[in-house]
Amino acid sequence: MSTIELFIIAVGLSMDAFAVSVCKGLSVKKTNWKHCICAGLYFGGFQALMPLIGFFLGKQFERLITSIDHWVAFILLLFIGGSMILESRKSAETQDTSFAFRAMLPLAIATSIDALAVGITFAFLSVNIWIAILLIGCTTFVLSAVGIQIGNVFGCKYKSKAELAGGIILILMGLKILLEHLNILVL
């Protein structure tokens, strides 16, 4: 697999993290470089770690993981999206702006479930796993950091409506993942 193909896969995998970063940027009054670095490290780190784990699991666990990855992603995105919708109903002072471990870990896991399945696929292809995870991690890091800034610019003007929209988007992403894996939705 060529470096260009790996880069395209990296961009595709990072889109969920980018969307979640935009939503996370909505809840921050003023972003700084620490917010961007934090999001980049969590999302980029997990997007790099999951394909590595998947690669080492290989064929042995392929059927088990691919049979439940869509359910895990759906449940996590449903929970996170629902929380965002609830937060959009509260006053600005009570919105969760945390970039702490307990807030970022579920987001990082939810956005990297598909990367685990991609890592399993890499085990059966001619892929340099170290280049693949470096590209995936770096691409996701950059797009997540940019997403925080984009979300903040948009969210400062329309905070609660944007957070509501972000929650709905996350739920729809989870639903799309579930429907695609159940072969109900073909795009």
N, C-alpha and C. Protein backbone atom coordinates (compact mmCIF):
# COMPACT_ATOMS: atom_id res chain seq x y z
N MET A 1 0.85 -1.17 0.00
CA MET A 1 0.00 0.00 0.00
C MET A 1 0.90 1.24 0.00
N SER A 2 0.60 2.16 -0.88
CA SER A 2 1.44 3.35 -1.03
C SER A 2 1.21 4.35 0.10
N THR A 3 2.13 5.28 0.23
CA THR A 3 2.03 6.34 1.24
C THR A 3 0.82 7.23 0.96
N ILE A 4 0.54 7.48 -0.30
CA ILE A 4 -0.63 8.29 -0.65
C ILE A 4 -1.91 7.58 -0.23
N GLU A 5 -1.99 6.28 -0.49
CA GLU A 5 -3.17 5.52 -0.06
C GLU A 5 -3.31 5.53 1.46
N LEU A 6 -2.19 5.40 2.16
CA LEU A 6 -2.23 5.45 3.62
C LEU A 6 -2.67 6.83 4.11
N PHE A 7 -2.23 7.88 3.42
CA PHE A 7 -2.64 9.23 3.80
C PHE A 7 -4.15 9.43 3.60
N ILE A 8 -4.68 8.91 2.50
CA ILE A 8 -6.12 9.01 2.26
C ILE A 8 -6.89 8.26 3.35
N ILE A 9 -6.41 7.11 3.73
CA ILE A 9 -7.03 6.36 4.83
C ILE A 9 -6.94 7.17 6.13
N ALA A 10 -5.79 7.80 6.36
CA ALA A 10 -5.61 8.61 7.57
C ALA A 10 -6.60 9.77 7.62
N VAL A 11 -6.79 10.43 6.49
CA VAL A 11 -7.76 11.54 6.45
C VAL A 11 -9.17 11.01 6.72
N GLY A 12 -9.52 9.90 6.10
CA GLY A 12 -10.84 9.32 6.32
C GLY A 12 -11.07 8.95 7.77
N LEU A 13 -10.08 8.31 8.38
CA LEU A 13 -10.21 7.92 9.78
C LEU A 13 -10.29 9.13 10.71
N SER A 14 -9.65 10.22 10.33
CA SER A 14 -9.60 11.39 11.22
C SER A 14 -10.85 12.26 11.14
N MET A 15 -11.75 11.98 10.21
CA MET A 15 -12.94 12.83 10.06
C MET A 15 -13.85 12.80 11.28
N ASP A 16 -14.01 11.64 11.91
CA ASP A 16 -14.81 11.57 13.12
C ASP A 16 -14.18 12.43 14.23
N ALA A 17 -12.87 12.31 14.38
CA ALA A 17 -12.18 13.09 15.41
C ALA A 17 -12.27 14.58 15.10
N PHE A 18 -12.19 14.94 13.83
CA PHE A 18 -12.33 16.35 13.43
C PHE A 18 -13.71 16.87 13.82
N ALA A 19 -14.75 16.10 13.50
CA ALA A 19 -16.11 16.53 13.81
C ALA A 19 -16.32 16.68 15.32
N VAL A 20 -15.79 15.73 16.09
CA VAL A 20 -15.92 15.82 17.54
C VAL A 20 -15.11 17.01 18.07
N SER A 21 -13.96 17.29 17.48
CA SER A 21 -13.16 18.45 17.89
C SER A 21 -13.89 19.75 17.62
N VAL A 22 -14.55 19.83 16.49
CA VAL A 22 -15.35 21.03 16.19
C VAL A 22 -16.42 21.19 17.27
N CYS A 23 -17.10 20.10 17.59
CA CYS A 23 -18.13 20.15 18.63
C CYS A 23 -17.54 20.52 19.98
N LYS A 24 -16.37 19.98 20.30
CA LYS A 24 -15.72 20.29 21.58
C LYS A 24 -15.30 21.76 21.62
N GLY A 25 -14.85 22.29 20.49
CA GLY A 25 -14.47 23.70 20.43
C GLY A 25 -15.65 24.64 20.64
N LEU A 26 -16.86 24.13 20.40
CA LEU A 26 -18.06 24.94 20.61
C LEU A 26 -18.25 25.31 22.07
N SER A 27 -17.82 24.43 22.97
CA SER A 27 -18.10 24.63 24.39
C SER A 27 -17.07 25.50 25.10
N VAL A 28 -16.04 25.94 24.40
CA VAL A 28 -14.97 26.72 25.02
C VAL A 28 -15.14 28.19 24.64
N LYS A 29 -15.14 29.06 25.66
CA LYS A 29 -15.30 30.49 25.39
C LYS A 29 -14.16 31.04 24.56
N LYS A 30 -12.95 30.69 24.92
CA LYS A 30 -11.77 31.15 24.18
C LYS A 30 -10.75 30.02 24.20
N THR A 31 -10.39 29.56 23.02
CA THR A 31 -9.42 28.46 22.95
C THR A 31 -8.01 29.01 23.09
N ASN A 32 -7.13 28.12 23.50
CA ASN A 32 -5.70 28.42 23.50
C ASN A 32 -4.97 27.19 22.96
N TRP A 33 -3.70 27.29 22.82
CA TRP A 33 -2.92 26.21 22.23
C TRP A 33 -3.03 24.92 23.05
N LYS A 34 -3.28 25.03 24.37
CA LYS A 34 -3.40 23.82 25.21
C LYS A 34 -4.63 23.00 24.82
N HIS A 35 -5.73 23.67 24.50
CA HIS A 35 -6.93 22.94 24.06
C HIS A 35 -6.64 22.18 22.77
N CYS A 36 -5.98 22.84 21.84
CA CYS A 36 -5.66 22.21 20.55
C CYS A 36 -4.71 21.04 20.72
N ILE A 37 -3.67 21.22 21.55
CA ILE A 37 -2.70 20.15 21.80
C ILE A 37 -3.38 18.97 22.50
N CYS A 38 -4.23 19.27 23.49
CA CYS A 38 -4.93 18.22 24.23
C CYS A 38 -5.80 17.38 23.29
N ALA A 39 -6.63 18.05 22.48
CA ALA A 39 -7.48 17.33 21.54
C ALA A 39 -6.63 16.54 20.55
N GLY A 40 -5.59 17.16 20.03
CA GLY A 40 -4.71 16.49 19.08
C GLY A 40 -4.06 15.25 19.67
N LEU A 41 -3.60 15.35 20.90
CA LEU A 41 -2.94 14.20 21.53
C LEU A 41 -3.92 13.07 21.83
N TYR A 42 -5.07 13.41 22.38
CA TYR A 42 -6.06 12.35 22.65
C TYR A 42 -6.52 11.68 21.37
N PHE A 43 -7.01 12.49 20.42
CA PHE A 43 -7.56 11.91 19.20
C PHE A 43 -6.48 11.30 18.32
N GLY A 44 -5.38 12.02 18.12
CA GLY A 44 -4.28 11.49 17.32
C GLY A 44 -3.65 10.26 17.95
N GLY A 45 -3.50 10.30 19.28
CA GLY A 45 -2.92 9.16 19.99
C GLY A 45 -3.77 7.90 19.85
N PHE A 46 -5.08 8.04 20.08
CA PHE A 46 -5.95 6.88 19.97
C PHE A 46 -6.11 6.43 18.52
N GLN A 47 -6.13 7.36 17.58
CA GLN A 47 -6.23 6.97 16.18
C GLN A 47 -4.98 6.23 15.73
N ALA A 48 -3.84 6.49 16.34
CA ALA A 48 -2.61 5.76 16.02
C ALA A 48 -2.53 4.44 16.79
N LEU A 49 -2.98 4.46 18.04
CA LEU A 49 -2.90 3.26 18.88
C LEU A 49 -3.83 2.15 18.41
N MET A 50 -5.04 2.50 18.03
CA MET A 50 -6.02 1.47 17.67
C MET A 50 -5.60 0.64 16.45
N PRO A 51 -5.10 1.25 15.36
CA PRO A 51 -4.65 0.39 14.25
C PRO A 51 -3.47 -0.50 14.64
N LEU A 52 -2.62 -0.01 15.53
CA LEU A 52 -1.50 -0.83 15.99
C LEU A 52 -2.02 -2.04 16.76
N ILE A 53 -2.98 -1.82 17.65
CA ILE A 53 -3.59 -2.94 18.38
C ILE A 53 -4.27 -3.89 17.39
N GLY A 54 -5.04 -3.33 16.47
CA GLY A 54 -5.72 -4.15 15.48
C GLY A 54 -4.76 -4.96 14.64
N PHE A 55 -3.66 -4.33 14.27
CA PHE A 55 -2.65 -5.02 13.47
C PHE A 55 -2.13 -6.25 14.20
N PHE A 56 -1.84 -6.09 15.49
CA PHE A 56 -1.29 -7.21 16.26
C PHE A 56 -2.35 -8.27 16.60
N LEU A 57 -3.59 -7.89 16.65
CA LEU A 57 -4.65 -8.88 16.86
C LEU A 57 -4.85 -9.75 15.63
N GLY A 58 -4.77 -9.08 14.45
CA GLY A 58 -4.83 -9.81 13.18
C GLY A 58 -6.06 -10.67 12.98
N LYS A 59 -5.88 -11.74 12.25
CA LYS A 59 -6.98 -12.63 11.87
C LYS A 59 -7.63 -13.30 13.07
N GLN A 60 -6.86 -13.54 14.11
CA GLN A 60 -7.36 -14.30 15.25
C GLN A 60 -8.65 -13.72 15.82
N PHE A 61 -8.74 -12.38 15.91
CA PHE A 61 -9.92 -11.77 16.51
C PHE A 61 -10.74 -10.95 15.50
N GLU A 62 -10.46 -11.09 14.23
CA GLU A 62 -11.14 -10.27 13.21
C GLU A 62 -12.65 -10.39 13.29
N ARG A 63 -13.18 -11.57 13.33
CA ARG A 63 -14.62 -11.76 13.33
C ARG A 63 -15.27 -11.18 14.58
N LEU A 64 -14.66 -11.37 15.72
CA LEU A 64 -15.21 -10.86 16.98
C LEU A 64 -15.27 -9.34 16.99
N ILE A 65 -14.18 -8.69 16.60
CA ILE A 65 -14.11 -7.24 16.66
C ILE A 65 -15.00 -6.59 15.60
N THR A 66 -14.94 -7.08 14.38
CA THR A 66 -15.75 -6.45 13.33
C THR A 66 -17.24 -6.71 13.55
N SER A 67 -17.58 -7.70 14.34
CA SER A 67 -19.00 -7.96 14.59
C SER A 67 -19.58 -7.02 15.65
N ILE A 68 -18.74 -6.37 16.44
CA ILE A 68 -19.27 -5.48 17.48
C ILE A 68 -18.78 -4.03 17.39
N ASP A 69 -17.84 -3.72 16.51
CA ASP A 69 -17.28 -2.36 16.49
C ASP A 69 -18.34 -1.31 16.22
N HIS A 70 -19.29 -1.63 15.37
CA HIS A 70 -20.34 -0.67 15.04
C HIS A 70 -21.27 -0.41 16.23
N TRP A 71 -21.51 -1.45 17.04
CA TRP A 71 -22.36 -1.26 18.23
C TRP A 71 -21.65 -0.40 19.27
N VAL A 72 -20.37 -0.64 19.48
CA VAL A 72 -19.61 0.15 20.45
C VAL A 72 -19.57 1.61 20.01
N ALA A 73 -19.26 1.85 18.74
CA ALA A 73 -19.21 3.22 18.23
C ALA A 73 -20.58 3.88 18.34
N PHE A 74 -21.65 3.16 17.98
CA PHE A 74 -23.01 3.70 18.06
C PHE A 74 -23.37 4.09 19.49
N ILE A 75 -23.14 3.20 20.45
CA ILE A 75 -23.50 3.48 21.84
C ILE A 75 -22.70 4.64 22.40
N LEU A 76 -21.40 4.68 22.15
CA LEU A 76 -20.59 5.79 22.65
C LEU A 76 -21.00 7.12 22.02
N LEU A 77 -21.21 7.14 20.70
CA LEU A 77 -21.61 8.39 20.04
C LEU A 77 -23.02 8.81 20.45
N LEU A 78 -23.91 7.85 20.68
CA LEU A 78 -25.25 8.16 21.16
C LEU A 78 -25.18 8.80 22.54
N PHE A 79 -24.38 8.23 23.42
CA PHE A 79 -24.22 8.77 24.78
C PHE A 79 -23.60 10.17 24.76
N ILE A 80 -22.53 10.32 24.00
CA ILE A 80 -21.84 11.61 23.94
C ILE A 80 -22.74 12.66 23.27
N GLY A 81 -23.39 12.29 22.16
CA GLY A 81 -24.31 13.21 21.49
C GLY A 81 -25.48 13.60 22.37
N GLY A 82 -26.03 12.63 23.08
CA GLY A 82 -27.13 12.91 24.01
C GLY A 82 -26.69 13.85 25.12
N SER A 83 -25.49 13.65 25.63
CA SER A 83 -24.95 14.55 26.65
C SER A 83 -24.80 15.97 26.11
N MET A 84 -24.34 16.08 24.88
CA MET A 84 -24.20 17.41 24.28
C MET A 84 -25.55 18.09 24.10
N ILE A 85 -26.56 17.32 23.70
CA ILE A 85 -27.90 17.88 23.54
C ILE A 85 -28.42 18.37 24.89
N LEU A 86 -28.21 17.57 25.94
CA LEU A 86 -28.62 18.00 27.28
C LEU A 86 -27.87 19.25 27.71
N GLU A 87 -26.58 19.30 27.43
CA GLU A 87 -25.77 20.47 27.78
C GLU A 87 -26.23 21.71 27.03
N SER A 88 -26.73 21.55 25.82
CA SER A 88 -27.18 22.71 25.04
C SER A 88 -28.41 23.35 25.66
N ARG A 89 -29.13 22.60 26.47
CA ARG A 89 -30.34 23.10 27.13
C ARG A 89 -30.01 23.88 28.39
N LYS A 90 -28.81 23.74 28.89
CA LYS A 90 -28.40 24.42 30.12
C LYS A 90 -27.82 25.78 29.79
N SER A 91 -27.68 26.59 30.82
CA SER A 91 -27.06 27.91 30.62
C SER A 91 -25.59 27.73 30.31
N ALA A 92 -24.99 28.74 29.73
CA ALA A 92 -23.59 28.67 29.31
C ALA A 92 -22.66 28.35 30.47
N GLU A 93 -23.01 28.77 31.67
CA GLU A 93 -22.15 28.54 32.84
C GLU A 93 -22.05 27.06 33.21
N THR A 94 -23.06 26.26 32.85
CA THR A 94 -23.05 24.86 33.25
C THR A 94 -22.57 23.92 32.15
N GLN A 95 -22.21 24.44 31.00
CA GLN A 95 -21.76 23.57 29.91
C GLN A 95 -20.40 22.97 30.24
N ASP A 96 -20.21 21.73 29.82
CA ASP A 96 -18.96 21.01 30.07
C ASP A 96 -17.89 21.47 29.10
N THR A 97 -16.92 22.18 29.64
CA THR A 97 -15.81 22.65 28.81
C THR A 97 -14.53 21.90 29.15
N SER A 98 -14.69 20.81 29.85
CA SER A 98 -13.54 20.06 30.35
C SER A 98 -12.75 19.38 29.24
N PHE A 99 -11.46 19.50 29.37
CA PHE A 99 -10.55 18.75 28.52
C PHE A 99 -9.81 17.72 29.38
N ALA A 100 -10.43 17.38 30.53
CA ALA A 100 -9.84 16.42 31.46
C ALA A 100 -9.96 15.01 30.91
N PHE A 101 -9.23 14.12 31.52
CA PHE A 101 -9.19 12.71 31.12
C PHE A 101 -10.59 12.11 31.01
N ARG A 102 -11.44 12.32 32.02
CA ARG A 102 -12.78 11.73 32.05
C ARG A 102 -13.67 12.25 30.92
N ALA A 103 -13.39 13.45 30.43
CA ALA A 103 -14.17 14.01 29.33
C ALA A 103 -13.61 13.60 27.97
N MET A 104 -12.31 13.54 27.86
CA MET A 104 -11.68 13.28 26.56
C MET A 104 -11.55 11.79 26.22
N LEU A 105 -11.37 10.94 27.22
CA LEU A 105 -11.18 9.52 26.95
C LEU A 105 -12.35 8.89 26.19
N PRO A 106 -13.61 9.08 26.64
CA PRO A 106 -14.70 8.47 25.87
C PRO A 106 -14.79 9.01 24.44
N LEU A 107 -14.49 10.28 24.25
CA LEU A 107 -14.50 10.86 22.91
C LEU A 107 -13.43 10.22 22.04
N ALA A 108 -12.23 10.06 22.61
CA ALA A 108 -11.13 9.47 21.85
C ALA A 108 -11.42 8.02 21.48
N ILE A 109 -12.01 7.28 22.40
CA ILE A 109 -12.36 5.88 22.12
C ILE A 109 -13.43 5.81 21.04
N ALA A 110 -14.47 6.63 21.19
CA ALA A 110 -15.59 6.59 20.23
C ALA A 110 -15.14 6.90 18.81
N THR A 111 -14.20 7.81 18.68
CA THR A 111 -13.77 8.19 17.33
C THR A 111 -12.72 7.25 16.75
N SER A 112 -12.21 6.32 17.54
CA SER A 112 -11.13 5.46 17.03
C SER A 112 -11.52 4.00 16.88
N ILE A 113 -12.78 3.66 17.12
CA ILE A 113 -13.20 2.26 16.99
C ILE A 113 -12.96 1.73 15.57
N ASP A 114 -13.31 2.51 14.57
CA ASP A 114 -13.11 2.07 13.20
C ASP A 114 -11.63 1.88 12.87
N ALA A 115 -10.77 2.65 13.52
CA ALA A 115 -9.34 2.52 13.28
C ALA A 115 -8.83 1.15 13.73
N LEU A 116 -9.47 0.56 14.73
CA LEU A 116 -9.11 -0.78 15.17
C LEU A 116 -9.36 -1.78 14.04
N ALA A 117 -10.51 -1.67 13.41
CA ALA A 117 -10.84 -2.56 12.29
C ALA A 117 -9.89 -2.35 11.12
N VAL A 118 -9.50 -1.10 10.87
CA VAL A 118 -8.54 -0.82 9.81
C VAL A 118 -7.20 -1.48 10.13
N GLY A 119 -6.80 -1.44 11.38
CA GLY A 119 -5.56 -2.09 11.79
C GLY A 119 -5.59 -3.59 11.54
N ILE A 120 -6.73 -4.21 11.77
CA ILE A 120 -6.87 -5.64 11.47
C ILE A 120 -6.68 -5.87 9.98
N THR A 121 -7.27 -4.99 9.19
CA THR A 121 -7.12 -5.09 7.73
C THR A 121 -5.65 -4.95 7.33
N PHE A 122 -4.94 -4.03 7.98
CA PHE A 122 -3.52 -3.84 7.68
C PHE A 122 -2.72 -5.13 7.89
N ALA A 123 -3.16 -5.97 8.83
CA ALA A 123 -2.44 -7.21 9.11
C ALA A 123 -2.44 -8.15 7.91
N PHE A 124 -3.39 -7.97 6.99
CA PHE A 124 -3.51 -8.86 5.84
C PHE A 124 -3.02 -8.22 4.56
N LEU A 125 -2.54 -7.01 4.63
CA LEU A 125 -2.05 -6.29 3.46
C LEU A 125 -0.56 -6.04 3.60
N SER A 126 0.04 -5.58 2.54
CA SER A 126 1.45 -5.22 2.57
C SER A 126 1.55 -3.76 3.03
N VAL A 127 1.56 -3.59 4.35
CA VAL A 127 1.56 -2.25 4.94
C VAL A 127 2.68 -2.15 5.97
N ASN A 128 3.44 -1.07 5.88
CA ASN A 128 4.39 -0.78 6.94
C ASN A 128 3.59 -0.13 8.07
N ILE A 129 3.33 -0.90 9.12
CA ILE A 129 2.44 -0.44 10.19
C ILE A 129 2.96 0.82 10.87
N TRP A 130 4.25 1.00 10.95
CA TRP A 130 4.83 2.16 11.64
C TRP A 130 4.59 3.44 10.84
N ILE A 131 4.70 3.36 9.52
CA ILE A 131 4.39 4.53 8.68
C ILE A 131 2.89 4.80 8.74
N ALA A 132 2.10 3.73 8.71
CA ALA A 132 0.64 3.88 8.74
C ALA A 132 0.19 4.58 10.02
N ILE A 133 0.66 4.13 11.17
CA ILE A 133 0.19 4.74 12.42
C ILE A 133 0.75 6.15 12.60
N LEU A 134 1.95 6.39 12.07
CA LEU A 134 2.50 7.75 12.12
C LEU A 134 1.64 8.70 11.28
N LEU A 135 1.28 8.29 10.07
CA LEU A 135 0.42 9.13 9.22
C LEU A 135 -0.97 9.33 9.84
N ILE A 136 -1.54 8.27 10.34
CA ILE A 136 -2.88 8.36 10.94
C ILE A 136 -2.84 9.27 12.18
N GLY A 137 -1.87 9.06 13.04
CA GLY A 137 -1.77 9.86 14.26
C GLY A 137 -1.51 11.33 13.99
N CYS A 138 -0.57 11.62 13.10
CA CYS A 138 -0.23 13.01 12.79
C CYS A 138 -1.37 13.73 12.07
N THR A 139 -1.99 13.05 11.13
CA THR A 139 -3.11 13.65 10.40
C THR A 139 -4.26 13.98 11.36
N THR A 140 -4.58 13.03 12.22
CA THR A 140 -5.66 13.25 13.18
C THR A 140 -5.29 14.34 14.17
N PHE A 141 -4.05 14.38 14.60
CA PHE A 141 -3.60 15.44 15.52
C PHE A 141 -3.86 16.82 14.91
N VAL A 142 -3.41 17.00 13.69
CA VAL A 142 -3.54 18.31 13.02
C VAL A 142 -5.02 18.66 12.80
N LEU A 143 -5.79 17.73 12.28
CA LEU A 143 -7.20 18.02 12.00
C LEU A 143 -8.00 18.25 13.29
N SER A 144 -7.65 17.57 14.35
CA SER A 144 -8.33 17.78 15.63
C SER A 144 -8.02 19.15 16.20
N ALA A 145 -6.76 19.56 16.13
CA ALA A 145 -6.38 20.89 16.62
C ALA A 145 -7.08 21.98 15.82
N VAL A 146 -7.13 21.82 14.51
CA VAL A 146 -7.83 22.78 13.65
C VAL A 146 -9.33 22.77 13.95
N GLY A 147 -9.88 21.59 14.21
CA GLY A 147 -11.30 21.46 14.53
C GLY A 147 -11.69 22.23 15.79
N ILE A 148 -10.83 22.21 16.79
CA ILE A 148 -11.09 22.98 18.02
C ILE A 148 -11.24 24.46 17.68
N GLN A 149 -10.34 24.97 16.86
CA GLN A 149 -10.39 26.39 16.49
C GLN A 149 -11.63 26.72 15.66
N ILE A 150 -11.95 25.87 14.70
CA ILE A 150 -13.13 26.10 13.86
C ILE A 150 -14.39 26.09 14.72
N GLY A 151 -14.50 25.12 15.61
CA GLY A 151 -15.66 25.03 16.49
C GLY A 151 -15.78 26.23 17.40
N ASN A 152 -14.66 26.72 17.87
CA ASN A 152 -14.68 27.87 18.76
C ASN A 152 -15.15 29.13 18.05
N VAL A 153 -14.70 29.35 16.85
CA VAL A 153 -15.11 30.54 16.09
C VAL A 153 -16.62 30.48 15.83
N PHE A 154 -17.10 29.32 15.41
CA PHE A 154 -18.52 29.17 15.13
C PHE A 154 -19.33 29.22 16.42
N GLY A 155 -18.83 28.53 17.46
CA GLY A 155 -19.58 28.41 18.71
C GLY A 155 -19.69 29.69 19.50
N CYS A 156 -18.78 30.60 19.36
CA CYS A 156 -18.85 31.85 20.10
C CYS A 156 -20.08 32.65 19.70
N LYS A 157 -20.56 32.47 18.51
CA LYS A 157 -21.71 33.22 18.03
C LYS A 157 -23.02 32.49 18.30
N TYR A 158 -23.01 31.18 18.21
CA TYR A 158 -24.24 30.39 18.29
C TYR A 158 -24.05 29.20 19.23
N LYS A 159 -23.56 29.43 20.42
CA LYS A 159 -23.12 28.36 21.31
C LYS A 159 -24.15 27.26 21.54
N SER A 160 -25.32 27.56 22.06
CA SER A 160 -26.24 26.48 22.42
C SER A 160 -26.82 25.80 21.18
N LYS A 161 -27.13 26.55 20.13
CA LYS A 161 -27.64 25.94 18.90
C LYS A 161 -26.57 25.09 18.25
N ALA A 162 -25.34 25.54 18.27
CA ALA A 162 -24.25 24.78 17.67
C ALA A 162 -23.99 23.51 18.48
N GLU A 163 -24.07 23.61 19.81
CA GLU A 163 -23.86 22.41 20.63
C GLU A 163 -24.99 21.41 20.39
N LEU A 164 -26.21 21.89 20.27
CA LEU A 164 -27.33 21.03 19.94
C LEU A 164 -27.08 20.35 18.59
N ALA A 165 -26.67 21.12 17.60
CA ALA A 165 -26.37 20.55 16.28
C ALA A 165 -25.23 19.54 16.37
N GLY A 166 -24.21 19.85 17.16
CA GLY A 166 -23.08 18.92 17.33
C GLY A 166 -23.53 17.61 17.94
N GLY A 167 -24.41 17.68 18.95
CA GLY A 167 -24.93 16.46 19.56
C GLY A 167 -25.72 15.63 18.56
N ILE A 168 -26.55 16.31 17.77
CA ILE A 168 -27.34 15.62 16.75
C ILE A 168 -26.41 14.98 15.72
N ILE A 169 -25.37 15.72 15.32
CA ILE A 169 -24.41 15.18 14.34
C ILE A 169 -23.74 13.92 14.88
N LEU A 170 -23.33 13.93 16.15
CA LEU A 170 -22.68 12.75 16.73
C LEU A 170 -23.63 11.56 16.77
N ILE A 171 -24.88 11.81 17.14
CA ILE A 171 -25.85 10.72 17.16
C ILE A 171 -26.06 10.18 15.74
N LEU A 172 -26.18 11.07 14.77
CA LEU A 172 -26.36 10.63 13.38
C LEU A 172 -25.14 9.87 12.86
N MET A 173 -23.93 10.29 13.27
CA MET A 173 -22.72 9.56 12.88
C MET A 173 -22.76 8.14 13.44
N GLY A 174 -23.14 8.02 14.71
CA GLY A 174 -23.26 6.70 15.31
C GLY A 174 -24.30 5.85 14.62
N LEU A 175 -25.45 6.46 14.30
CA LEU A 175 -26.50 5.75 13.59
C LEU A 175 -26.05 5.31 12.20
N LYS A 176 -25.32 6.18 11.51
CA LYS A 176 -24.81 5.87 10.18
C LYS A 176 -23.85 4.66 10.25
N ILE A 177 -22.96 4.67 11.24
CA ILE A 177 -22.03 3.54 11.42
C ILE A 177 -22.80 2.25 11.63
N LEU A 178 -23.82 2.31 12.51
CA LEU A 178 -24.61 1.13 12.80
C LEU A 178 -25.35 0.64 11.56
N LEU A 179 -26.01 1.54 10.85
CA LEU A 179 -26.79 1.15 9.67
C LEU A 179 -25.91 0.62 8.54
N GLU A 180 -24.73 1.21 8.36
CA GLU A 180 -23.80 0.70 7.34
C GLU A 180 -23.36 -0.71 7.67
N HIS A 181 -23.05 -0.98 8.92
CA HIS A 181 -22.59 -2.30 9.30
C HIS A 181 -23.71 -3.35 9.27
N LEU A 182 -24.94 -2.90 9.42
CA LEU A 182 -26.07 -3.81 9.33
C LEU A 182 -26.57 -3.94 7.89
N ASN A 183 -25.86 -3.29 6.95
CA ASN A 183 -26.18 -3.29 5.53
C ASN A 183 -27.57 -2.72 5.24
N ILE A 184 -28.01 -1.78 6.08
CA ILE A 184 -29.28 -1.10 5.85
C ILE A 184 -29.05 0.19 5.06
N LEU A 185 -27.90 0.81 5.27
CA LEU A 185 -27.57 2.07 4.60
C LEU A 185 -26.35 1.83 3.74
N VAL A 186 -26.47 2.14 2.48
CA VAL A 186 -25.35 2.01 1.54
C VAL A 186 -25.12 3.35 0.90
N LEU A 187 -23.98 3.97 1.17
CA LEU A 187 -23.63 5.26 0.57
C LEU A 187 -22.42 5.12 -0.30
